[in-house]
Structure formats: structure tokens, C-alpha cells
Amino acid sequence: MNVFASFYPALSERKPLPAYYTPACLGLSLLPFLMEHNRITSTSVFIILLYLCARWPCFTTGDPSSDYYNNSQFIAIPLWYLDFVLLTPRDGKDAPEFIGPQLPDEERRSEKLTAAAKGQRWKDLKTFPQRMKWALRLMLPVHRRIGWNWQVKGVPANPDAKLPKWQYVARQLWWVMFYYAQSVGALTVLGFGYALREQAGLNERAKSIFANAVVSWSGAVWVWDRLNCAYSFAAALGVATGITGTWEWPPLMGSLKHAWSVRQMWRYVYSKSGEVCV
């Protein structure tokens, strides 16, 4: 990590991240889906995208926490491009195919039901808006392949899928505020745990164990809240703009009420959302 960090300036020396930088990287990643497939063009775009993403840590948003989370995109975007543009064929049985709503695992009558569903492939798209919507759908909620021909097993049903569009958006924005407020509380407790751990001496073993427990659990809850907050905001944005449907955003995480042990926390609360997380 020290060798990797040596290629970038210190945080205090970094320039502000230009407003166009993130949209430019996202736009370049979607560009190949807006035109006929051309290997030379796709490879050239990838080189430019890789260069921009490699330089991303040279800038700062002014907030260390934001830098920590948002800079992960400079790794995710090139990997997404490499997977879906350069390595995944547009034609053939392995090509991405948007099928639409699928029955939850427990309601599927047979595997043939999913396999027989006729979906939408890139070659079926005729207009620019259709291609843009298809590509954005492929990028946004695709970590569990919701609605695609390789949707993972174990994805729970979305209890809000049948809500009217704007009612769904309002509910998701309410959850955004709730998760954010709860994350602030968890962060406050986390700071208390760190302070308590600093005060605990070598002979205060019980106090040290308690402080470590507070840090561990509040940290886990804080991350849980932040992930849910970002996910709910993305769901509200996707549905409000018409890019995605309400059914495409099933719950990302399990409920905190099941987090009564470390095993439960990681197995059911963080990994309730499908086999891709298990």
C-alpha cells in the first residue's frame, strides 16, 4: 500500500475534484452501449477511462470520509467496463438480457419458467433513449443482476414493489433521512467507544473489552446505515427518472433486529440479500 500511495500526492496537496470528472467517467463507461460494437473504439475508450480513474485519487472532495467512499468508483468503473464491454459478448447465450420481473425463488414453479422468459438484448434496441436506459439498468442495480438473465438466487421479494411511483419515491427518501440520522447516532457512539478505549489502561481489561465491543458494533451499524442510505437514494432516483421500476430494488440488507451475535450480523443482516453476498 505504501508503494501504491507513493504515486499520489498527500491529501493536503490534492486539488479539488473537478465537477465534470465523475460524470465524464460514467459517460465514457456507457459510451460503447450507445453505438455499434467496435473493438478498436471500445479498447481506446477503456484506455482513456483507465487513465482518468487512475488519476482520480490525485483529487479530493474536501471531505476524507467522502474521499474514502467515492474513490472506490475508480476501481469499480474500469472493472464494470472490462466485464460488460470487453469480456461479455453482445450476442450469444452469455449476452446480457433484460428479462424483467422474476418470481422470488420460493414462488418459482420450475426452473423452466425463468429460462423460457423472453428478454431484451442490446440488438433489440433501436433508439438512443432505449440504449441509454438499458445501459444504465445494467450499471445501477446489477450487483445482484435484478431482472437480468443471470439474476442470483436468494434475492428477497420487494415489499414496496406495488406502490405507486411517487409514493415509492417518497418512502425511499424518508428512509434516506432515517438511515442518515441513525448513522450519525452510530458514529457518535463509535467516537465514544474510541475515547473509552484510549482511556482504558493496561490493567483495565474489562473496560477495554467493553470499549472494543462498542467500537465493533457501532462501526458495523454505521456502515449498515450508510449502505442502506445510498441504496435508498439510488432507488428513489432510478424510479423517479423512470430508468428503473420499483421491483428492481429489493431490500439490500437484513434487519438489525437479527444482529444479536457476530455470526448473525454477517450471515443474516449483511448477507440476507442473495447468494452473491454469502
Protein backbone atom coordinates (compact mmCIF):
# COMPACT_ATOMS: atom_id res chain seq x y z
CA MET A 1 0.00 0.00 0.00
CA ASN A 2 2.87 2.37 0.72
CA VAL A 3 4.27 1.79 -2.77
CA PHE A 4 0.83 2.38 -4.30
CA ALA A 5 0.31 5.53 -2.22
CA SER A 6 3.69 6.91 -3.30
CA PHE A 7 2.29 7.52 -6.79
CA TYR A 8 -0.23 10.03 -5.42
CA PRO A 9 0.16 13.38 -3.63
CA ALA A 10 -0.55 13.71 0.09
CA LEU A 11 -4.15 14.55 0.98
CA SER A 12 -3.20 18.11 1.94
CA GLU A 13 -1.63 18.64 -1.51
CA ARG A 14 -4.50 17.34 -3.64
CA LYS A 15 -6.55 19.66 -5.80
CA PRO A 16 -10.38 19.80 -5.61
CA LEU A 17 -12.12 17.18 -7.72
CA PRO A 18 -13.45 18.87 -10.90
CA ALA A 19 -17.25 18.83 -11.19
CA TYR A 20 -17.07 17.15 -14.60
CA TYR A 21 -14.77 14.31 -13.54
CA THR A 22 -17.24 11.73 -12.21
CA PRO A 23 -19.90 12.36 -14.92
CA ALA A 24 -17.17 12.09 -17.57
CA CYS A 25 -16.04 8.70 -16.29
CA LEU A 26 -19.62 7.43 -16.08
CA GLY A 27 -20.32 8.75 -19.57
CA LEU A 28 -17.27 7.03 -21.05
CA SER A 29 -18.24 3.74 -19.41
CA LEU A 30 -21.68 3.90 -21.09
CA LEU A 31 -20.44 5.14 -24.48
CA PRO A 32 -19.89 1.71 -26.12
CA PHE A 33 -23.55 0.79 -25.45
CA LEU A 34 -24.77 3.81 -27.42
CA MET A 35 -23.17 2.73 -30.70
CA GLU A 36 -22.45 -0.35 -32.75
CA HIS A 37 -19.82 -2.59 -31.20
CA ASN A 38 -16.31 -1.80 -32.38
CA ARG A 39 -13.37 -3.47 -30.65
CA ILE A 40 -10.90 -0.71 -31.53
CA THR A 41 -13.21 2.03 -30.23
CA SER A 42 -14.09 0.09 -27.06
CA THR A 43 -10.42 -0.55 -26.29
CA SER A 44 -9.48 3.09 -26.92
CA VAL A 45 -12.25 4.30 -24.61
CA PHE A 46 -11.08 1.83 -21.96
CA ILE A 47 -7.53 3.23 -22.07
CA ILE A 48 -8.84 6.80 -21.58
CA LEU A 49 -11.20 5.63 -18.82
CA LEU A 50 -8.42 3.72 -17.08
CA TYR A 51 -6.19 6.80 -17.18
CA LEU A 52 -8.89 9.05 -15.69
CA CYS A 53 -9.74 6.54 -12.96
CA ALA A 54 -6.07 6.04 -12.11
CA ARG A 55 -5.77 9.81 -11.60
CA TRP A 56 -8.95 10.04 -9.52
CA PRO A 57 -7.08 9.80 -6.15
CA CYS A 58 -4.99 12.82 -7.18
CA PHE A 59 -8.03 14.94 -6.29
CA THR A 60 -10.11 15.42 -3.18
CA THR A 61 -13.72 16.34 -2.43
CA GLY A 62 -12.58 18.14 0.71
CA ASP A 63 -14.09 15.50 2.97
CA PRO A 64 -11.90 12.49 3.97
CA SER A 65 -14.99 10.33 4.52
CA SER A 66 -16.33 11.18 1.05
CA ASP A 67 -12.91 10.51 -0.48
CA TYR A 68 -12.80 7.11 1.21
CA TYR A 69 -16.17 6.00 -0.16
CA ASN A 70 -16.31 7.75 -3.54
CA ASN A 71 -12.79 6.84 -4.62
CA SER A 72 -13.88 3.20 -4.75
CA GLN A 73 -15.56 4.11 -8.03
CA PHE A 74 -12.20 4.45 -9.75
CA ILE A 75 -11.78 0.71 -9.21
CA ALA A 76 -15.40 -0.32 -9.81
CA ILE A 77 -15.96 1.53 -13.11
CA PRO A 78 -12.99 0.03 -15.03
CA LEU A 79 -13.87 -3.46 -13.72
CA TRP A 80 -17.50 -2.98 -14.80
CA TYR A 81 -16.32 -1.81 -18.24
CA LEU A 82 -13.89 -4.68 -18.57
CA ASP A 83 -16.60 -7.20 -17.67
CA PHE A 84 -19.61 -5.96 -19.66
CA VAL A 85 -17.89 -4.22 -22.60
CA LEU A 86 -14.68 -6.10 -23.36
CA LEU A 87 -15.27 -9.60 -21.98
CA THR A 88 -19.03 -10.15 -22.26
CA PRO A 89 -20.35 -10.78 -25.81
CA ARG A 90 -23.34 -8.80 -27.04
CA ASP A 91 -24.67 -11.82 -28.91
CA GLY A 92 -24.97 -15.46 -27.96
CA LYS A 93 -26.25 -17.29 -24.91
CA ASP A 94 -23.99 -15.37 -22.48
CA ALA A 95 -25.02 -11.91 -23.68
CA PRO A 96 -26.74 -9.60 -21.13
CA GLU A 97 -30.50 -9.90 -21.48
CA PHE A 98 -33.01 -7.83 -19.52
CA ILE A 99 -35.92 -10.15 -18.72
CA GLY A 100 -37.89 -8.06 -16.25
CA PRO A 101 -39.65 -9.05 -13.01
CA GLN A 102 -38.98 -12.60 -11.90
CA LEU A 103 -40.79 -14.60 -9.27
CA PRO A 104 -38.95 -14.99 -5.94
CA ASP A 105 -37.22 -18.34 -5.54
CA GLU A 106 -39.87 -19.73 -3.22
CA GLU A 107 -42.61 -18.90 -5.77
CA ARG A 108 -40.97 -20.27 -8.88
CA ARG A 109 -42.92 -23.19 -10.24
CA SER A 110 -39.92 -24.55 -12.14
CA GLU A 111 -36.53 -23.54 -13.49
CA LYS A 112 -38.02 -23.63 -17.00
CA LEU A 113 -40.18 -20.63 -16.16
CA THR A 114 -37.17 -18.33 -15.88
CA ALA A 115 -35.23 -19.94 -18.69
CA ALA A 116 -38.17 -19.56 -21.10
CA ALA A 117 -38.68 -15.85 -20.38
CA LYS A 118 -38.02 -13.69 -23.43
CA GLY A 119 -35.88 -10.69 -22.63
CA GLN A 120 -34.41 -7.61 -24.25
CA ARG A 121 -30.87 -7.70 -25.60
CA TRP A 122 -28.77 -4.87 -26.96
CA LYS A 123 -29.50 -5.88 -30.56
CA ASP A 124 -33.24 -5.33 -29.88
CA LEU A 125 -32.67 -1.64 -29.05
CA LYS A 126 -33.35 0.78 -31.89
CA THR A 127 -33.20 4.28 -30.39
CA PHE A 128 -30.73 6.29 -28.31
CA PRO A 129 -33.06 6.55 -25.26
CA GLN A 130 -33.64 2.78 -25.30
CA ARG A 131 -29.92 2.08 -25.35
CA MET A 132 -29.20 4.62 -22.62
CA LYS A 133 -31.89 3.20 -20.34
CA TRP A 134 -30.72 -0.38 -20.98
CA ALA A 135 -27.09 0.52 -20.22
CA LEU A 136 -27.98 2.42 -17.04
CA ARG A 137 -30.10 -0.50 -15.87
CA LEU A 138 -27.11 -2.74 -16.47
CA MET A 139 -24.88 -0.48 -14.37
CA LEU A 140 -27.06 0.59 -11.42
CA PRO A 141 -28.70 -2.38 -9.64
CA VAL A 142 -26.70 -5.09 -11.42
CA HIS A 143 -24.65 -6.27 -8.43
CA ARG A 144 -27.44 -8.82 -7.84
CA ARG A 145 -28.49 -8.92 -11.51
CA ILE A 146 -32.08 -7.99 -10.67
CA GLY A 147 -34.27 -8.58 -13.71
CA TRP A 148 -31.44 -9.93 -15.89
CA ASN A 149 -30.91 -13.40 -17.31
CA TRP A 150 -28.36 -14.24 -14.60
CA GLN A 151 -30.16 -12.96 -11.50
CA VAL A 152 -28.66 -14.54 -8.38
CA LYS A 153 -30.66 -16.88 -6.19
CA GLY A 154 -31.93 -15.99 -2.74
CA VAL A 155 -32.99 -12.40 -3.52
CA PRO A 156 -35.93 -11.49 -1.24
CA ALA A 157 -39.17 -10.06 -2.59
CA ASN A 158 -39.59 -6.28 -2.51
CA PRO A 159 -42.49 -5.43 -0.14
CA ASP A 160 -42.84 -1.96 -1.74
CA ALA A 161 -42.78 -3.12 -5.36
CA LYS A 162 -46.51 -2.48 -5.91
CA LEU A 163 -46.54 1.06 -4.56
CA PRO A 164 -47.39 3.88 -6.98
CA LYS A 165 -44.29 5.54 -8.45
CA TRP A 166 -44.24 8.76 -6.44
CA GLN A 167 -45.37 7.12 -3.23
CA TYR A 168 -42.45 4.73 -3.61
CA VAL A 169 -40.04 7.62 -4.23
CA ALA A 170 -41.33 9.47 -1.15
CA ARG A 171 -40.92 6.38 1.01
CA GLN A 172 -37.36 5.82 -0.17
CA LEU A 173 -36.45 9.44 0.54
CA TRP A 174 -37.89 9.05 4.03
CA TRP A 175 -35.66 6.01 4.53
CA VAL A 176 -32.69 8.03 3.26
CA MET A 177 -33.22 10.55 6.06
CA PHE A 178 -33.85 7.82 8.63
CA TYR A 179 -30.72 5.86 7.77
CA TYR A 180 -28.61 9.00 7.68
CA ALA A 181 -29.87 10.16 11.09
CA GLN A 182 -29.32 6.70 12.56
CA SER A 183 -25.80 6.59 11.07
CA VAL A 184 -25.00 9.87 12.83
CA GLY A 185 -26.07 8.27 16.12
CA ALA A 186 -23.94 5.20 15.41
CA LEU A 187 -20.99 7.45 14.55
CA THR A 188 -21.40 9.29 17.84
CA VAL A 189 -21.36 6.00 19.75
CA LEU A 190 -18.33 4.93 17.72
CA GLY A 191 -16.48 8.07 18.81
CA PHE A 192 -17.42 7.36 22.43
CA GLY A 193 -16.03 3.83 22.07
CA TYR A 194 -12.74 5.12 20.67
CA ALA A 195 -12.42 7.66 23.50
CA LEU A 196 -13.18 4.98 26.07
CA ARG A 197 -10.59 2.69 24.54
CA GLU A 198 -7.97 5.43 24.70
CA GLN A 199 -8.67 5.93 28.40
CA ALA A 200 -8.56 2.24 29.27
CA GLY A 201 -5.24 1.32 30.83
CA LEU A 202 -3.36 -1.95 30.50
CA ASN A 203 -4.87 -3.23 33.75
CA GLU A 204 -8.44 -2.24 32.90
CA ARG A 205 -9.19 -5.33 30.85
CA ALA A 206 -12.97 -5.27 31.37
CA LYS A 207 -13.16 -1.63 30.32
CA SER A 208 -11.04 -2.35 27.25
CA ILE A 209 -13.23 -5.30 26.20
CA PHE A 210 -16.36 -3.18 26.59
CA ALA A 211 -14.80 -0.34 24.56
CA ASN A 212 -13.80 -2.72 21.76
CA ALA A 213 -17.31 -4.16 21.69
CA VAL A 214 -18.80 -0.68 21.41
CA VAL A 215 -16.42 0.21 18.57
CA SER A 216 -17.09 -3.04 16.69
CA TRP A 217 -20.89 -2.98 16.90
CA SER A 218 -21.36 0.76 16.34
CA GLY A 219 -18.97 0.61 13.39
CA ALA A 220 -20.93 -2.27 11.84
CA VAL A 221 -24.24 -0.44 12.35
CA TRP A 222 -22.78 2.78 10.90
CA VAL A 223 -21.69 1.02 7.70
CA TRP A 224 -25.07 -0.78 7.52
CA ASP A 225 -26.87 2.56 7.71
CA ARG A 226 -24.65 4.26 5.14
CA LEU A 227 -25.04 1.42 2.63
CA ASN A 228 -28.82 1.43 3.06
CA CYS A 229 -28.89 5.21 2.80
CA ALA A 230 -27.02 5.20 -0.52
CA TYR A 231 -29.12 2.31 -1.82
CA SER A 232 -32.42 4.00 -0.94
CA PHE A 233 -31.29 7.23 -2.60
CA ALA A 234 -30.30 5.34 -5.76
CA ALA A 235 -33.68 3.56 -5.73
CA ALA A 236 -35.55 6.85 -5.38
CA LEU A 237 -33.50 8.43 -8.18
CA GLY A 238 -33.84 5.44 -10.50
CA VAL A 239 -37.60 5.19 -10.09
CA ALA A 240 -38.21 8.97 -10.19
CA THR A 241 -36.37 9.30 -13.52
CA GLY A 242 -38.09 6.24 -14.97
CA ILE A 243 -34.81 4.40 -15.57
CA THR A 244 -35.82 1.54 -13.28
CA GLY A 245 -39.02 0.12 -11.84
CA THR A 246 -39.92 -0.22 -8.17
CA TRP A 247 -39.50 -4.00 -8.33
CA GLU A 248 -35.80 -3.63 -9.25
CA TRP A 249 -34.83 -2.53 -5.74
CA PRO A 250 -35.48 -5.40 -3.29
CA PRO A 251 -34.03 -4.93 0.24
CA LEU A 252 -30.25 -4.68 0.20
CA MET A 253 -29.66 -5.81 3.80
CA GLY A 254 -31.37 -7.80 6.50
CA SER A 255 -32.95 -6.28 9.61
CA LEU A 256 -30.85 -5.13 12.57
CA LYS A 257 -33.21 -6.98 14.91
CA HIS A 258 -31.42 -10.17 13.86
CA ALA A 259 -27.99 -8.80 14.82
CA TRP A 260 -27.79 -10.46 18.23
CA SER A 261 -24.42 -12.10 17.54
CA VAL A 262 -21.41 -11.57 15.29
CA ARG A 263 -22.40 -14.59 13.20
CA GLN A 264 -25.95 -13.30 12.80
CA MET A 265 -24.68 -9.85 11.86
CA TRP A 266 -22.58 -11.09 8.96
CA ARG A 267 -24.67 -14.07 7.90
CA TYR A 268 -28.20 -12.65 8.01
CA VAL A 269 -28.06 -8.86 8.39
CA TYR A 270 -25.30 -8.12 5.89
CA SER A 271 -25.89 -11.16 3.68
CA LYS A 272 -29.65 -11.55 3.56
CA SER A 273 -29.91 -10.15 0.08
CA GLY A 274 -28.81 -13.08 -2.05
CA GLU A 275 -26.17 -15.71 -2.62
CA VAL A 276 -23.86 -13.16 -4.19
CA CYS A 277 -23.20 -11.82 -0.67
CA VAL A 278 -22.90 -15.15 1.11
